[in-house]
N, C-alpha and C. Protein backbone atom coordinates (compact mmCIF):
# COMPACT_ATOMS: atom_id res chain seq x y z
N LEU A 1 -14.56 -24.89 -6.16
CA LEU A 1 -14.17 -24.24 -4.70
C LEU A 1 -13.26 -24.78 -4.50
N HIS A 2 -11.72 -24.13 -3.96
CA HIS A 2 -10.78 -23.80 -3.68
C HIS A 2 -10.57 -23.88 -2.33
N HIS A 3 -10.06 -24.99 -1.49
CA HIS A 3 -9.68 -24.90 0.11
C HIS A 3 -8.34 -24.50 0.43
N THR A 4 -7.99 -23.72 0.90
CA THR A 4 -6.89 -23.39 1.60
C THR A 4 -6.54 -23.00 3.05
N PRO A 5 -5.68 -23.69 3.63
CA PRO A 5 -5.05 -23.98 5.24
C PRO A 5 -5.45 -22.42 5.82
N GLY A 6 -4.64 -21.60 5.10
CA GLY A 6 -4.70 -20.11 5.23
C GLY A 6 -5.98 -19.06 5.08
N SER A 7 -5.99 -18.16 6.13
CA SER A 7 -7.03 -17.09 5.62
C SER A 7 -6.15 -15.68 5.92
N ILE A 8 -7.45 -14.99 5.42
CA ILE A 8 -6.64 -13.13 5.69
C ILE A 8 -7.98 -12.77 5.83
N SER A 9 -7.82 -12.08 6.80
CA SER A 9 -9.13 -10.80 7.64
C SER A 9 -8.58 -9.55 7.38
N ILE A 10 -9.85 -8.69 7.03
CA ILE A 10 -9.62 -7.26 6.27
C ILE A 10 -10.48 -6.38 7.64
N ILE A 11 -10.04 -5.59 7.86
CA ILE A 11 -10.59 -4.41 8.95
C ILE A 11 -10.42 -3.29 8.03
N GLN A 12 -11.82 -2.61 7.88
CA GLN A 12 -11.51 -1.15 7.24
C GLN A 12 -11.60 -0.21 8.53
N GLN A 13 -10.51 0.84 8.63
CA GLN A 13 -10.28 1.84 9.61
C GLN A 13 -10.16 3.25 8.63
N ASN A 14 -11.55 3.69 8.63
CA ASN A 14 -11.48 5.20 7.68
C ASN A 14 -10.78 4.96 6.22
N ASN A 15 -10.06 5.49 5.66
CA ASN A 15 -9.46 5.06 4.52
C ASN A 15 -8.13 3.86 4.54
N LYS A 16 -8.08 3.21 5.45
CA LYS A 16 -7.30 2.18 5.36
C LYS A 16 -8.00 0.87 5.81
N LEU A 17 -7.20 -0.15 4.88
CA LEU A 17 -7.33 -1.55 5.26
C LEU A 17 -6.24 -2.12 6.14
N LEU A 18 -6.74 -2.71 7.27
CA LEU A 18 -5.76 -3.33 7.82
C LEU A 18 -6.06 -4.97 7.85
N PHE A 19 -5.17 -5.53 7.78
CA PHE A 19 -5.03 -6.93 7.78
C PHE A 19 -4.38 -8.06 8.53
N ASP A 20 -5.15 -9.62 8.42
CA ASP A 20 -4.46 -10.30 9.69
C ASP A 20 -4.13 -11.68 8.89
N VAL A 21 -3.12 -12.18 9.27
CA VAL A 21 -3.25 -13.40 8.21
C VAL A 21 -3.07 -14.58 9.37
N TYR A 22 -3.82 -15.73 9.05
CA TYR A 22 -4.02 -16.72 9.93
C TYR A 22 -3.55 -18.24 9.21
N HIS A 23 -2.58 -18.93 9.72
CA HIS A 23 -2.18 -20.19 9.33
C HIS A 23 -1.75 -21.05 10.19
N PRO A 24 -2.67 -22.39 10.42
CA PRO A 24 -2.40 -23.48 11.18
C PRO A 24 -1.30 -23.76 11.30
N GLU A 25 -0.02 -23.56 10.54
CA GLU A 25 1.36 -23.55 10.74
C GLU A 25 2.10 -22.34 11.21
N GLU A 26 3.06 -22.69 11.59
CA GLU A 26 4.15 -21.25 11.64
C GLU A 26 4.28 -20.88 10.57
N TRP A 27 4.08 -19.41 10.26
CA TRP A 27 4.49 -18.55 8.50
C TRP A 27 5.15 -17.61 9.30
N SER A 28 5.96 -17.38 7.90
CA SER A 28 7.10 -15.94 8.01
C SER A 28 6.88 -15.02 7.78
N PHE A 29 6.25 -14.97 6.53
CA PHE A 29 5.93 -13.68 5.50
C PHE A 29 5.00 -13.79 4.67
N ALA A 30 4.28 -12.68 4.44
CA ALA A 30 2.84 -12.67 3.45
C ALA A 30 3.24 -11.48 2.64
N LYS A 31 2.88 -11.78 1.14
CA LYS A 31 2.49 -10.80 0.10
C LYS A 31 1.40 -10.94 0.02
N ILE A 32 0.55 -9.27 0.05
CA ILE A 32 -0.84 -9.42 0.27
C ILE A 32 -1.38 -8.32 -1.11
N SER A 33 -1.74 -8.64 -1.90
CA SER A 33 -2.29 -8.27 -3.01
C SER A 33 -3.73 -7.55 -3.33
N VAL A 34 -3.98 -6.28 -3.21
CA VAL A 34 -5.46 -5.88 -3.22
C VAL A 34 -5.65 -5.30 -4.43
N THR A 35 -6.89 -5.75 -5.33
CA THR A 35 -6.99 -5.19 -6.39
C THR A 35 -8.43 -4.61 -5.99
N ASN A 36 -8.20 -3.29 -7.25
CA ASN A 36 -9.73 -2.49 -7.19
C ASN A 36 -10.41 -3.27 -8.25
N SER A 37 -11.56 -3.63 -7.59
CA SER A 37 -12.53 -4.41 -9.18
C SER A 37 -12.98 -3.70 -9.90
N LYS A 38 -13.00 -1.87 -10.04
CA LYS A 38 -13.62 -1.06 -10.74
C LYS A 38 -12.52 -0.89 -11.82
N ASP A 39 -11.40 -0.36 -11.67
CA ASP A 39 -10.55 0.09 -12.55
C ASP A 39 -9.02 -1.06 -12.78
N GLY A 40 -9.14 -2.48 -11.81
CA GLY A 40 -7.87 -3.46 -11.75
C GLY A 40 -6.79 -2.84 -11.10
N THR A 41 -6.61 -1.43 -10.69
CA THR A 41 -5.54 -1.28 -9.81
C THR A 41 -5.23 -2.49 -8.68
N ILE A 42 -3.93 -2.43 -8.60
CA ILE A 42 -3.28 -3.39 -8.00
C ILE A 42 -2.03 -2.81 -6.82
N HIS A 43 -2.34 -2.73 -5.40
CA HIS A 43 -1.25 -2.51 -4.71
C HIS A 43 -0.88 -3.91 -3.80
N THR A 44 0.29 -3.73 -3.72
CA THR A 44 0.64 -4.53 -2.94
C THR A 44 1.49 -4.45 -1.44
N THR A 45 1.29 -5.30 -0.49
CA THR A 45 2.20 -4.70 0.98
C THR A 45 2.71 -6.09 1.40
N THR A 46 3.66 -6.27 2.18
CA THR A 46 4.24 -7.40 2.78
C THR A 46 3.82 -7.63 4.00
N THR A 47 4.23 -8.65 5.00
CA THR A 47 3.60 -8.54 6.49
C THR A 47 4.44 -9.88 6.99
N THR A 48 4.99 -9.33 8.10
CA THR A 48 5.10 -11.05 9.06
C THR A 48 4.32 -10.95 10.40
N PRO A 49 4.85 -12.12 11.07
CA PRO A 49 3.86 -12.21 12.16
C PRO A 49 3.98 -11.33 13.10
N ASN A 50 5.13 -10.39 13.10
CA ASN A 50 4.99 -9.32 14.14
C ASN A 50 4.73 -8.12 13.90
N LYS A 51 4.36 -8.25 12.48
CA LYS A 51 3.99 -6.66 11.95
C LYS A 51 3.00 -6.62 11.19
N LYS A 52 1.94 -5.82 11.47
CA LYS A 52 0.46 -5.48 11.09
C LYS A 52 0.97 -4.57 9.15
N ALA A 53 -0.19 -5.23 8.27
CA ALA A 53 0.35 -4.64 7.19
C ALA A 53 -1.41 -3.55 7.15
N THR A 54 -0.83 -2.45 6.33
CA THR A 54 -2.00 -1.87 5.89
C THR A 54 -1.64 -1.23 4.45
N ILE A 55 -2.81 -1.02 4.05
CA ILE A 55 -3.19 -0.27 2.67
C ILE A 55 -4.02 1.00 2.75
N GLU A 56 -3.61 2.49 1.83
CA GLU A 56 -4.68 3.03 2.08
C GLU A 56 -5.84 2.95 0.73
N ILE A 57 -6.82 2.90 0.93
CA ILE A 57 -7.66 3.05 -0.10
C ILE A 57 -8.60 4.57 -0.18
N TYR A 58 -8.88 4.76 -1.45
CA TYR A 58 -9.35 6.05 -1.90
C TYR A 58 -10.69 6.30 -2.26
N GLU A 59 -11.04 5.07 -2.97
CA GLU A 59 -12.62 5.24 -3.46
C GLU A 59 -13.27 4.22 -2.99
N ASN A 60 -14.84 4.10 -3.38
CA ASN A 60 -15.59 3.34 -2.78
C ASN A 60 -15.74 1.82 -3.83
N SER A 61 -15.26 0.80 -3.51
CA SER A 61 -15.62 -0.04 -4.54
C SER A 61 -15.63 -1.64 -3.77
N ILE A 62 -15.49 -2.51 -4.77
CA ILE A 62 -15.33 -3.60 -4.13
C ILE A 62 -13.61 -4.27 -4.21
N TYR A 63 -12.66 -4.64 -3.28
CA TYR A 63 -11.55 -4.83 -3.45
C TYR A 63 -11.03 -6.46 -3.33
N TRP A 64 -10.52 -7.28 -4.09
CA TRP A 64 -10.79 -8.41 -3.96
C TRP A 64 -8.83 -8.56 -3.06
N ILE A 65 -8.87 -9.65 -2.43
CA ILE A 65 -7.52 -9.78 -1.57
C ILE A 65 -6.93 -11.14 -2.12
N ASP A 66 -5.74 -10.89 -2.38
CA ASP A 66 -4.79 -12.52 -2.67
C ASP A 66 -3.55 -12.31 -1.67
N ALA A 67 -3.37 -13.48 -0.90
CA ALA A 67 -2.36 -13.26 0.35
C ALA A 67 -1.23 -14.35 -0.20
N LYS A 68 -0.42 -14.68 -0.25
CA LYS A 68 0.44 -15.53 -0.64
C LYS A 68 1.53 -15.61 0.81
N ILE A 69 1.33 -16.78 1.38
CA ILE A 69 1.80 -17.00 2.81
C ILE A 69 3.06 -17.77 2.32
N ARG A 70 4.17 -17.82 3.37
CA ARG A 70 5.43 -18.81 3.23
C ARG A 70 5.39 -19.54 4.19
N VAL A 71 5.27 -20.48 4.12
CA VAL A 71 5.46 -21.55 5.32
C VAL A 71 6.48 -22.61 5.41
N GLY A 72 7.58 -21.95 5.80
CA GLY A 72 8.55 -23.12 5.56
C GLY A 72 9.16 -22.88 4.50
N GLY A 73 9.58 -23.86 3.65
CA GLY A 73 9.77 -23.69 2.36
C GLY A 73 8.89 -23.76 1.20
N ASN A 74 7.42 -23.61 1.82
CA ASN A 74 6.50 -23.50 0.62
C ASN A 74 5.44 -22.58 0.71
N SER A 75 4.83 -22.10 -0.27
CA SER A 75 3.80 -21.32 -0.51
C SER A 75 2.12 -21.09 -0.25
N SER A 76 1.34 -21.10 0.18
CA SER A 76 -0.05 -21.17 0.63
C SER A 76 -0.65 -19.82 -0.06
N SER A 77 -1.76 -19.85 -0.21
CA SER A 77 -2.64 -18.67 -0.70
C SER A 77 -3.59 -18.65 0.11
N ALA A 78 -4.38 -17.41 0.32
CA ALA A 78 -5.45 -16.89 1.07
C ALA A 78 -6.42 -16.11 0.31
N TYR A 79 -7.46 -16.09 -0.05
CA TYR A 79 -8.18 -15.31 -0.78
C TYR A 79 -9.22 -14.58 0.10
N ASN A 80 -9.94 -13.12 -0.18
CA ASN A 80 -10.92 -12.59 0.51
C ASN A 80 -10.99 -11.41 -0.44
N SER A 81 -12.40 -10.78 0.05
CA SER A 81 -12.42 -9.40 -0.83
C SER A 81 -13.22 -8.77 0.41
N ILE A 82 -13.33 -7.19 0.04
CA ILE A 82 -13.94 -6.36 1.24
C ILE A 82 -14.77 -5.37 -0.06
N GLU A 83 -16.01 -5.04 0.39
CA GLU A 83 -16.87 -3.96 -0.28
C GLU A 83 -16.90 -2.89 0.59
N ILE A 84 -16.13 -1.67 0.16
CA ILE A 84 -16.04 -0.07 0.77
C ILE A 84 -17.24 0.44 -0.04
N LYS A 85 -17.97 1.13 1.20
CA LYS A 85 -19.17 2.01 0.88
C LYS A 85 -19.12 3.18 1.88
N SER A 86 -18.20 3.38 2.53
CA SER A 86 -18.48 4.64 3.68
C SER A 86 -17.13 5.58 3.24
N LEU A 87 -16.46 5.54 2.64
CA LEU A 87 -15.57 6.78 2.15
C LEU A 87 -16.45 7.91 1.56
N PRO A 88 -15.83 9.02 2.13
CA PRO A 88 -16.84 10.21 1.57
C PRO A 88 -16.27 10.69 0.22
N PRO A 89 -16.99 11.26 -0.58
CA PRO A 89 -16.38 11.90 -1.59
C PRO A 89 -15.29 12.72 -2.37
N GLU A 90 -14.78 13.23 -0.82
CA GLU A 90 -13.65 14.16 -1.11
C GLU A 90 -12.23 13.40 -0.81
N SER A 91 -12.43 12.18 -0.28
CA SER A 91 -11.02 11.24 -0.16
C SER A 91 -10.98 10.55 -1.28
N GLN A 92 -11.97 10.69 -2.57
CA GLN A 92 -11.55 9.78 -3.62
C GLN A 92 -11.13 10.46 -4.83
N ASN A 93 -10.93 12.08 -4.15
CA ASN A 93 -10.30 12.79 -5.36
C ASN A 93 -8.78 13.01 -4.59
N ILE A 94 -8.20 12.55 -3.59
CA ILE A 94 -6.68 12.38 -3.29
C ILE A 94 -5.87 11.89 -4.29
N ARG A 95 -6.61 10.65 -5.06
CA ARG A 95 -5.78 9.71 -5.82
C ARG A 95 -5.51 10.41 -6.84
N TRP A 96 -5.44 11.76 -6.96
CA TRP A 96 -5.00 12.40 -8.30
C TRP A 96 -3.74 12.14 -8.94
N ILE A 97 -2.49 11.70 -7.86
CA ILE A 97 -1.46 11.67 -8.43
C ILE A 97 -1.29 10.15 -7.56
N ASP A 98 -0.47 9.31 -8.46
CA ASP A 98 -0.35 8.05 -7.65
C ASP A 98 1.28 7.63 -7.50
N VAL A 99 2.07 9.13 -6.81
CA VAL A 99 3.49 9.22 -6.50
C VAL A 99 3.41 8.89 -5.01
N PRO A 100 4.17 8.15 -4.47
CA PRO A 100 4.30 7.93 -2.69
C PRO A 100 5.33 9.53 -2.68
N GLU A 101 4.57 9.81 -0.83
CA GLU A 101 5.11 10.99 -0.55
C GLU A 101 6.47 10.70 -0.34
N LYS A 102 7.04 9.71 -0.10
CA LYS A 102 8.94 9.73 -0.06
C LYS A 102 9.62 10.45 -1.18
N GLN A 103 8.88 9.71 -2.35
CA GLN A 103 9.71 10.28 -3.59
C GLN A 103 9.51 12.01 -3.80
N ILE A 104 8.15 12.28 -3.53
CA ILE A 104 7.66 13.57 -3.41
C ILE A 104 8.43 14.72 -3.27
N ALA A 105 8.96 13.85 -1.48
CA ALA A 105 10.01 14.86 -0.80
C ALA A 105 11.18 15.26 -0.96
N ILE A 106 11.60 13.85 -1.49
CA ILE A 106 12.93 13.80 -2.26
C ILE A 106 13.17 14.54 -2.99
N VAL A 107 12.48 14.42 -4.24
CA VAL A 107 12.40 15.49 -5.44
C VAL A 107 12.80 17.27 -4.67
N ALA A 108 11.09 17.23 -3.87
CA ALA A 108 11.44 18.68 -3.82
C ALA A 108 12.59 19.46 -3.16
N GLY A 109 13.16 18.17 -2.21
CA GLY A 109 14.19 18.51 -1.27
C GLY A 109 15.58 18.93 -2.53
N ILE A 110 15.49 18.36 -3.58
CA ILE A 110 16.70 18.23 -4.45
C ILE A 110 16.60 19.84 -5.38
N VAL A 111 15.37 19.84 -5.67
CA VAL A 111 14.69 21.29 -6.43
C VAL A 111 15.59 22.42 -5.57
N ILE A 112 15.10 22.28 -4.24
CA ILE A 112 15.22 23.18 -3.12
C ILE A 112 16.59 23.67 -2.90
N ILE A 113 17.58 22.55 -2.92
CA ILE A 113 18.99 22.64 -2.46
C ILE A 113 19.68 23.07 -3.96
N ILE A 114 19.03 22.70 -5.26
CA ILE A 114 19.89 23.51 -6.54
C ILE A 114 19.17 25.12 -6.52
N GLY A 115 18.32 25.35 -6.14
CA GLY A 115 17.94 26.55 -6.33
C GLY A 115 18.61 27.56 -5.21
N ILE A 116 18.65 26.91 -4.16
CA ILE A 116 19.50 27.95 -3.27
C ILE A 116 21.04 27.72 -3.36
N VAL A 117 21.59 26.78 -4.05
CA VAL A 117 23.14 26.96 -4.58
C VAL A 117 23.14 27.67 -5.98
N GLY A 118 22.05 27.68 -6.76
CA GLY A 118 22.02 28.59 -7.75
C GLY A 118 21.88 30.29 -7.63
N LEU A 119 21.41 30.37 -6.66
CA LEU A 119 21.51 31.96 -6.05
C LEU A 119 22.77 32.38 -5.29
N ILE A 120 23.29 31.24 -4.34
CA ILE A 120 24.57 31.62 -3.95
C ILE A 120 25.50 32.03 -5.04
N ILE A 121 25.55 31.14 -5.98
CA ILE A 121 26.81 31.34 -7.00
C ILE A 121 26.48 32.65 -8.01
N LYS A 122 24.91 32.98 -8.07
CA LYS A 122 24.48 34.18 -8.79
C LYS A 122 24.81 35.40 -8.22
N LYS A 123 25.26 35.16 -6.92
CA LYS A 123 25.34 36.38 -5.70
C LYS A 123 26.89 36.58 -5.88
N GLN A 124 27.94 35.62 -5.93
CA GLN A 124 29.25 35.86 -5.83
C GLN A 124 29.75 36.88 -6.69
N PRO A 125 30.61 37.62 -6.59
CA PRO A 125 30.94 38.89 -7.35
C PRO A 125 32.36 37.92 -8.12
N THR A 126 32.18 38.41 -9.74
CA THR A 126 32.96 37.95 -10.70
C THR A 126 33.73 38.72 -10.54
N PHE A 127 35.41 38.40 -10.92
CA PHE A 127 36.79 39.06 -11.16
C PHE A 127 36.92 39.00 -12.70
C-alpha cells in the first residue's frame, strides 16, 4: 500500500471525465494520465489550480488515473480509477480516427485553399 498526500477525484459527465486535484500544500501544476484498461490507450491532460481538466472518453471500460502533482520544486503522485458503464454504443463508434479536430480543420483549410488557387490559375488566359 502506497500513501500519498495528494488525491484526485473523477466525475463523469456524459462522455467526459472531469478531474479535481487535491493536495494539503499549495500545488501549481498537475499532469493527469488516463489509461484505458481494455487496450492500454493513454490520454494525457494538464491542469492548474485555476483550470479544470477534462478528457473525452468513447468506450465503456475501467480507466486508471495517474496524476503527477507539482508542489514547489517537488513532485507528488495521486492515483484513482473509474469504471464507465453508461456510454451508449453509438458513442463508442466515434473513435474510428484518433486525430484531433484542430489538425483536421487545418488540413481541410489547406486543401481548400490549394483547390481555389488551382482553379484561379487554370482560368487565367494564357498568352
